């Protein structure tokens, strides 16, 4: 994780966090695996839906869920790294 803090006007700050792409891939696969255990699709038993089919039908939802999870997990660490308390 690479972080940088930029000072804007007054008390405003801009925090930039760069993460490797494989973290996003791992998180989106984990989200899809969780969906697979909960989703029922015709032709497949519950929990046995292939990830490729889930990506086609729920890819956008998985992407947004993965991004939200990554932001929630890394925000506290990033703020601590640049020594900022919210």
C-alpha atoms as a PDB file:
ATOM      1  CA  UNK A   1       0.000   0.000   0.000  1.00  0.00           C
ATOM      2  CA  UNK A   2       1.359   3.403  -0.976  1.00  0.00           C
ATOM      3  CA  UNK A   3      -0.143   6.478   0.643  1.00  0.00           C
ATOM      4  CA  UNK A   4       0.379  10.187   0.195  1.00  0.00           C
ATOM      5  CA  UNK A   5      -1.169  13.150   1.968  1.00  0.00           C
ATOM      6  CA  UNK A   6      -1.572  16.490   0.226  1.00  0.00           C
ATOM      7  CA  UNK A   7      -2.452  19.697   2.069  1.00  0.00           C
ATOM      8  CA  UNK A   8      -5.166  21.743   0.403  1.00  0.00           C
ATOM      9  CA  UNK A   9      -6.805  24.952   1.680  1.00  0.00           C
ATOM     10  CA  UNK A  10      -6.764  25.481   5.430  1.00  0.00           C
ATOM     11  CA  UNK A  11      -7.595  22.252   7.195  1.00  0.00           C
ATOM     12  CA  UNK A  12      -8.477  20.300   4.048  1.00  0.00           C
ATOM     13  CA  UNK A  13      -6.308  17.316   3.146  1.00  0.00           C
ATOM     14  CA  UNK A  14      -6.298  14.918   0.206  1.00  0.00           C
ATOM     15  CA  UNK A  15      -5.311  11.310   0.945  1.00  0.00           C
ATOM     16  CA  UNK A  16      -4.250   9.116  -1.966  1.00  0.00           C
ATOM     17  CA  UNK A  17      -3.915   5.362  -1.473  1.00  0.00           C
ATOM     18  CA  UNK A  18      -2.528   3.041  -4.139  1.00  0.00           C
ATOM     19  CA  UNK A  19      -3.041  -0.705  -3.810  1.00  0.00           C
ATOM     20  CA  UNK A  20      -1.877  -3.572  -6.012  1.00  0.00           C
ATOM     21  CA  UNK A  21      -4.485  -4.860  -8.466  1.00  0.00           C
ATOM     22  CA  UNK A  22      -4.292  -8.387  -7.076  1.00  0.00           C
ATOM     23  CA  UNK A  23      -5.872  -7.196  -3.813  1.00  0.00           C
ATOM     24  CA  UNK A  24      -8.938  -6.056  -5.758  1.00  0.00           C
ATOM     25  CA  UNK A  25      -9.048  -9.375  -7.666  1.00  0.00           C
ATOM     26  CA  UNK A  26      -8.858 -11.384  -4.444  1.00  0.00           C
ATOM     27  CA  UNK A  27     -11.555  -9.308  -2.768  1.00  0.00           C
ATOM     28  CA  UNK A  28     -13.927  -9.464  -5.758  1.00  0.00           C
ATOM     29  CA  UNK A  29     -13.464 -13.250  -5.943  1.00  0.00           C
ATOM     30  CA  UNK A  30     -14.238 -13.484  -2.220  1.00  0.00           C
ATOM     31  CA  UNK A  31     -17.397 -11.405  -2.707  1.00  0.00           C
ATOM     32  CA  UNK A  32     -18.472 -13.650  -5.595  1.00  0.00           C
ATOM     33  CA  UNK A  33     -17.808 -16.777  -3.503  1.00  0.00           C
ATOM     34  CA  UNK A  34     -20.009 -15.351  -0.757  1.00  0.00           C
ATOM     35  CA  UNK A  35     -22.712 -14.595  -3.344  1.00  0.00           C
ATOM     36  CA  UNK A  36     -22.426 -18.134  -4.719  1.00  0.00           C
ATOM     37  CA  UNK A  37     -23.423 -19.578  -1.361  1.00  0.00           C
ATOM     38  CA  UNK A  38     -26.526 -17.370  -1.213  1.00  0.00           C
ATOM     39  CA  UNK A  39     -27.726 -17.162  -4.835  1.00  0.00           C
ATOM     40  CA  UNK A  40     -30.027 -19.657  -6.513  1.00  0.00           C
ATOM     41  CA  UNK A  41     -29.725 -19.775 -10.322  1.00  0.00           C
ATOM     42  CA  UNK A  42     -31.745 -22.153 -12.472  1.00  0.00           C
ATOM     43  CA  UNK A  43     -29.688 -25.157 -13.532  1.00  0.00           C
ATOM     44  CA  UNK A  44     -27.322 -25.027 -10.561  1.00  0.00           C
ATOM     45  CA  UNK A  45     -27.578 -26.159  -6.981  1.00  0.00           C
ATOM     46  CA  UNK A  46     -27.348 -23.463  -4.350  1.00  0.00           C
ATOM     47  CA  UNK A  47     -23.683 -22.779  -3.682  1.00  0.00           C
ATOM     48  CA  UNK A  48     -22.511 -24.537  -6.871  1.00  0.00           C
ATOM     49  CA  UNK A  49     -22.791 -21.687  -9.388  1.00  0.00           C
ATOM     50  CA  UNK A  50     -19.514 -21.162 -11.321  1.00  0.00           C
ATOM     51  CA  UNK A  51     -17.751 -17.836 -10.757  1.00  0.00           C
ATOM     52  CA  UNK A  52     -17.823 -17.053 -14.483  1.00  0.00           C
ATOM     53  CA  UNK A  53     -21.636 -17.091 -14.485  1.00  0.00           C
ATOM     54  CA  UNK A  54     -21.779 -15.018 -11.311  1.00  0.00           C
ATOM     55  CA  UNK A  55     -19.410 -12.460 -12.870  1.00  0.00           C
ATOM     56  CA  UNK A  56     -21.713 -12.111 -15.881  1.00  0.00           C
ATOM     57  CA  UNK A  57     -24.854 -11.636 -13.801  1.00  0.00           C
ATOM     58  CA  UNK A  58     -23.564  -9.896 -10.683  1.00  0.00           C
ATOM     59  CA  UNK A  59     -20.212  -8.415 -11.752  1.00  0.00           C
ATOM     60  CA  UNK A  60     -21.188  -4.793 -11.087  1.00  0.00           C
ATOM     61  CA  UNK A  61     -22.550  -5.603  -7.627  1.00  0.00           C
ATOM     62  CA  UNK A  62     -19.451  -7.631  -6.785  1.00  0.00           C
ATOM     63  CA  UNK A  63     -17.212  -4.794  -7.946  1.00  0.00           C
ATOM     64  CA  UNK A  64     -18.954  -2.182  -5.808  1.00  0.00           C
ATOM     65  CA  UNK A  65     -19.029  -4.498  -2.780  1.00  0.00           C
ATOM     66  CA  UNK A  66     -15.324  -5.281  -3.214  1.00  0.00           C
ATOM     67  CA  UNK A  67     -14.430  -1.590  -3.480  1.00  0.00           C
ATOM     68  CA  UNK A  68     -16.465  -0.768  -0.366  1.00  0.00           C
ATOM     69  CA  UNK A  69     -14.784  -3.581   1.576  1.00  0.00           C
ATOM     70  CA  UNK A  70     -11.311  -2.505   0.466  1.00  0.00           C
ATOM     71  CA  UNK A  71     -11.958   1.133   1.386  1.00  0.00           C
ATOM     72  CA  UNK A  72     -13.293   0.176   4.806  1.00  0.00           C
ATOM     73  CA  UNK A  73     -10.319  -2.113   5.487  1.00  0.00           C
ATOM     74  CA  UNK A  74      -7.557   0.193   4.265  1.00  0.00           C
ATOM     75  CA  UNK A  75      -8.778   3.634   5.336  1.00  0.00           C
ATOM     76  CA  UNK A  76      -7.848   3.250   8.995  1.00  0.00           C
ATOM     77  CA  UNK A  77      -4.420   1.815   8.109  1.00  0.00           C
ATOM     78  CA  UNK A  78      -3.766   4.570   5.571  1.00  0.00           C
ATOM     79  CA  UNK A  79      -4.698   7.303   8.041  1.00  0.00           C
ATOM     80  CA  UNK A  80      -2.430   5.755  10.667  1.00  0.00           C
ATOM     81  CA  UNK A  81       0.417   5.516   8.153  1.00  0.00           C
ATOM     82  CA  UNK A  82       0.300   9.243   7.392  1.00  0.00           C
ATOM     83  CA  UNK A  83      -0.331  10.053  11.085  1.00  0.00           C
ATOM     84  CA  UNK A  84      -3.748  11.669  10.660  1.00  0.00           C
ATOM     85  CA  UNK A  85      -6.641  11.256  13.067  1.00  0.00           C
ATOM     86  CA  UNK A  86     -10.140  11.880  11.708  1.00  0.00           C
END
